[in-house]
Amino acid sequence: MRNKTERSFLKFRESPFTALVITVLSLFCQFLNWFAYEKIGYAWGITLVTPLVICAMYHAVQLDGGREGSFSRRFFFLFSVVIPLLTGILLTVIMLLSAPEISVFSPEAEYKGTVREAIATYAGRFIFTSLYLLIFAAIDHFILKRLDEKRKTQ
């Protein structure tokens, strides 16, 4: 375990640039997950397991954050989970309002492979993955709290 005199491994502070980088990296990891799903063509059930890789990365960064780290856990949660979720919701609403006839929203529509359809598809996938990460973050909060309590007693 890390003692109080040891410095955090991650060397960045809370700033607008850090927030932007965290958000972009979160969306990029989510995009890679779904891009692999499309290109590799694995079974849809595996998509319930592959976001766990993103959850493991989230947990590793959260372990380094917190009271002794160079950023707060709340800051990381906000920009790695909440903002990507809101981005996905916003993009989905915009696409639904601007083009309700595209195949993602209308089962009768024929898939044309347009940019709008791709944006709407990935926005929906970002929502799914961000919700998955949100549920994990809620569970992880209690795990991290328990670890913090354990560190205090040692």
Protein backbone atom coordinates (compact mmCIF):
# COMPACT_ATOMS: atom_id res chain seq x y z
CA MET A 1 0.00 0.00 0.00
CA ARG A 2 1.02 3.57 -0.54
CA ASN A 3 2.01 5.62 2.48
CA LYS A 4 1.18 9.30 2.89
CA THR A 5 4.69 10.48 2.01
CA GLU A 6 4.64 8.70 -1.34
CA ARG A 7 3.63 10.85 -4.30
CA SER A 8 0.86 10.06 -6.73
CA PHE A 9 1.86 8.23 -9.90
CA LEU A 10 -0.30 10.43 -12.12
CA LYS A 11 1.15 13.90 -12.46
CA PHE A 12 -1.67 16.13 -13.65
CA ARG A 13 -3.92 18.61 -11.92
CA GLU A 14 -7.56 19.49 -12.28
CA SER A 15 -7.78 21.96 -15.16
CA PRO A 16 -9.99 22.56 -18.19
CA PHE A 17 -7.37 20.89 -20.42
CA THR A 18 -7.26 17.83 -18.15
CA ALA A 19 -11.06 17.66 -18.20
CA LEU A 20 -11.06 17.80 -22.00
CA VAL A 21 -8.39 15.11 -22.26
CA ILE A 22 -10.23 12.80 -19.83
CA THR A 23 -13.52 13.24 -21.72
CA VAL A 24 -11.94 12.68 -25.14
CA LEU A 25 -10.07 9.60 -23.91
CA SER A 26 -13.24 8.17 -22.37
CA LEU A 27 -15.15 8.65 -25.63
CA PHE A 28 -12.21 7.25 -27.61
CA CYS A 29 -12.06 4.09 -25.46
CA GLN A 30 -15.80 3.65 -25.86
CA PHE A 31 -15.49 4.18 -29.62
CA LEU A 32 -12.71 1.56 -29.82
CA ASN A 33 -14.88 -0.91 -27.96
CA TRP A 34 -17.72 -0.52 -30.44
CA PHE A 35 -15.47 -0.24 -33.49
CA ALA A 36 -13.93 -3.59 -32.55
CA TYR A 37 -17.44 -5.02 -32.17
CA GLU A 38 -18.29 -3.95 -35.72
CA LYS A 39 -15.02 -4.94 -37.38
CA ILE A 40 -14.29 -8.18 -35.54
CA GLY A 41 -17.92 -9.22 -35.62
CA TYR A 42 -18.04 -11.01 -32.29
CA ALA A 43 -21.37 -12.03 -30.75
CA TRP A 44 -23.50 -9.25 -29.27
CA GLY A 45 -23.39 -10.89 -25.83
CA ILE A 46 -19.68 -10.18 -25.63
CA THR A 47 -20.52 -6.46 -25.68
CA LEU A 48 -21.82 -6.96 -22.16
CA VAL A 49 -18.32 -8.01 -21.08
CA THR A 50 -15.97 -5.80 -23.14
CA PRO A 51 -16.89 -2.56 -21.30
CA LEU A 52 -15.34 -4.17 -18.23
CA VAL A 53 -11.95 -3.30 -19.75
CA ILE A 54 -12.97 0.37 -19.61
CA CYS A 55 -14.25 -0.17 -16.06
CA ALA A 56 -10.90 -1.67 -15.05
CA MET A 57 -9.09 1.37 -16.44
CA TYR A 58 -11.54 3.64 -14.59
CA HIS A 59 -10.88 1.78 -11.33
CA ALA A 60 -7.09 1.97 -11.78
CA VAL A 61 -7.20 5.74 -12.25
CA GLN A 62 -9.59 6.16 -9.33
CA LEU A 63 -7.18 4.21 -7.10
CA ASP A 64 -4.49 6.76 -7.87
CA GLY A 65 -6.81 9.72 -7.35
CA GLY A 66 -8.59 10.77 -4.24
CA ARG A 67 -7.23 12.28 -1.07
CA GLU A 68 -3.56 11.64 -1.81
CA GLY A 69 -3.68 12.04 -5.59
CA SER A 70 -3.23 15.09 -7.78
CA PHE A 71 -6.92 15.15 -8.75
CA SER A 72 -10.20 14.34 -7.06
CA ARG A 73 -12.18 11.21 -7.75
CA ARG A 74 -15.26 13.35 -8.30
CA PHE A 75 -13.45 15.32 -11.02
CA PHE A 76 -12.46 12.14 -12.84
CA PHE A 77 -15.96 10.65 -12.46
CA LEU A 78 -17.57 13.78 -13.87
CA PHE A 79 -15.40 13.98 -16.97
CA SER A 80 -14.99 10.26 -17.69
CA VAL A 81 -18.57 9.12 -17.04
CA VAL A 82 -21.11 11.94 -16.74
CA ILE A 83 -19.94 14.20 -19.59
CA PRO A 84 -19.66 11.31 -22.12
CA LEU A 85 -23.14 10.16 -21.05
CA LEU A 86 -24.56 13.64 -21.54
CA THR A 87 -22.71 13.94 -24.86
CA GLY A 88 -24.31 10.72 -26.08
CA ILE A 89 -27.76 11.85 -24.95
CA LEU A 90 -27.33 15.27 -26.55
CA LEU A 91 -26.13 13.82 -29.87
CA THR A 92 -28.98 11.32 -29.89
CA VAL A 93 -31.59 14.01 -29.26
CA ILE A 94 -30.08 16.28 -31.93
CA MET A 95 -30.00 13.45 -34.47
CA LEU A 96 -33.54 12.36 -33.59
CA LEU A 97 -34.90 15.88 -33.99
CA SER A 98 -32.97 16.66 -37.16
CA ALA A 99 -33.45 13.33 -38.94
CA PRO A 100 -36.12 11.10 -37.38
CA GLU A 101 -36.35 9.10 -40.60
CA ILE A 102 -32.87 7.53 -40.41
CA SER A 103 -32.64 3.80 -39.88
CA VAL A 104 -31.37 4.03 -36.30
CA PHE A 105 -34.69 5.52 -35.17
CA SER A 106 -37.10 4.02 -37.69
CA PRO A 107 -37.27 0.23 -38.08
CA GLU A 108 -38.88 0.63 -41.53
CA ALA A 109 -36.07 2.81 -42.86
CA GLU A 110 -33.35 1.27 -44.95
CA TYR A 111 -29.77 1.59 -43.69
CA LYS A 112 -27.85 3.85 -46.06
CA GLY A 113 -24.55 4.18 -44.20
CA THR A 114 -24.74 7.96 -43.95
CA VAL A 115 -22.71 10.05 -41.52
CA ARG A 116 -25.90 10.90 -39.63
CA GLU A 117 -26.67 7.24 -39.12
CA ALA A 118 -23.13 6.59 -37.88
CA ILE A 119 -23.31 9.52 -35.45
CA ALA A 120 -26.69 8.40 -34.14
CA THR A 121 -25.49 4.80 -33.81
CA TYR A 122 -22.34 5.69 -31.90
CA ALA A 123 -24.18 8.24 -29.74
CA GLY A 124 -26.53 5.46 -28.65
CA ARG A 125 -23.57 3.19 -28.01
CA PHE A 126 -21.88 5.90 -25.93
CA ILE A 127 -25.05 6.08 -23.83
CA PHE A 128 -25.03 2.31 -23.32
CA THR A 129 -21.35 2.17 -22.38
CA SER A 130 -21.55 5.28 -20.18
CA LEU A 131 -24.52 3.83 -18.30
CA TYR A 132 -22.54 0.63 -17.85
CA LEU A 133 -19.64 2.70 -16.52
CA LEU A 134 -22.02 4.70 -14.30
CA ILE A 135 -23.28 1.51 -12.67
CA PHE A 136 -19.70 0.30 -12.23
CA ALA A 137 -18.69 3.69 -10.76
CA ALA A 138 -21.49 3.42 -8.19
CA ILE A 139 -20.24 0.00 -7.12
CA ASP A 140 -16.62 1.15 -7.29
CA HIS A 141 -17.41 4.09 -5.00
CA PHE A 142 -18.15 1.67 -2.17
CA ILE A 143 -15.07 -0.43 -2.95
CA LEU A 144 -12.85 2.66 -2.91
CA LYS A 145 -14.46 3.90 0.30
CA ARG A 146 -13.73 0.56 1.93
CA LEU A 147 -10.12 0.66 0.71
CA ASP A 148 -9.74 4.19 2.09
CA GLU A 149 -11.06 3.06 5.48
CA LYS A 150 -8.68 0.13 5.43
CA ARG A 151 -5.73 2.46 4.68
CA LYS A 152 -6.69 4.70 7.60
CA THR A 153 -6.55 1.82 10.05
CA GLN A 154 -3.11 0.71 8.88
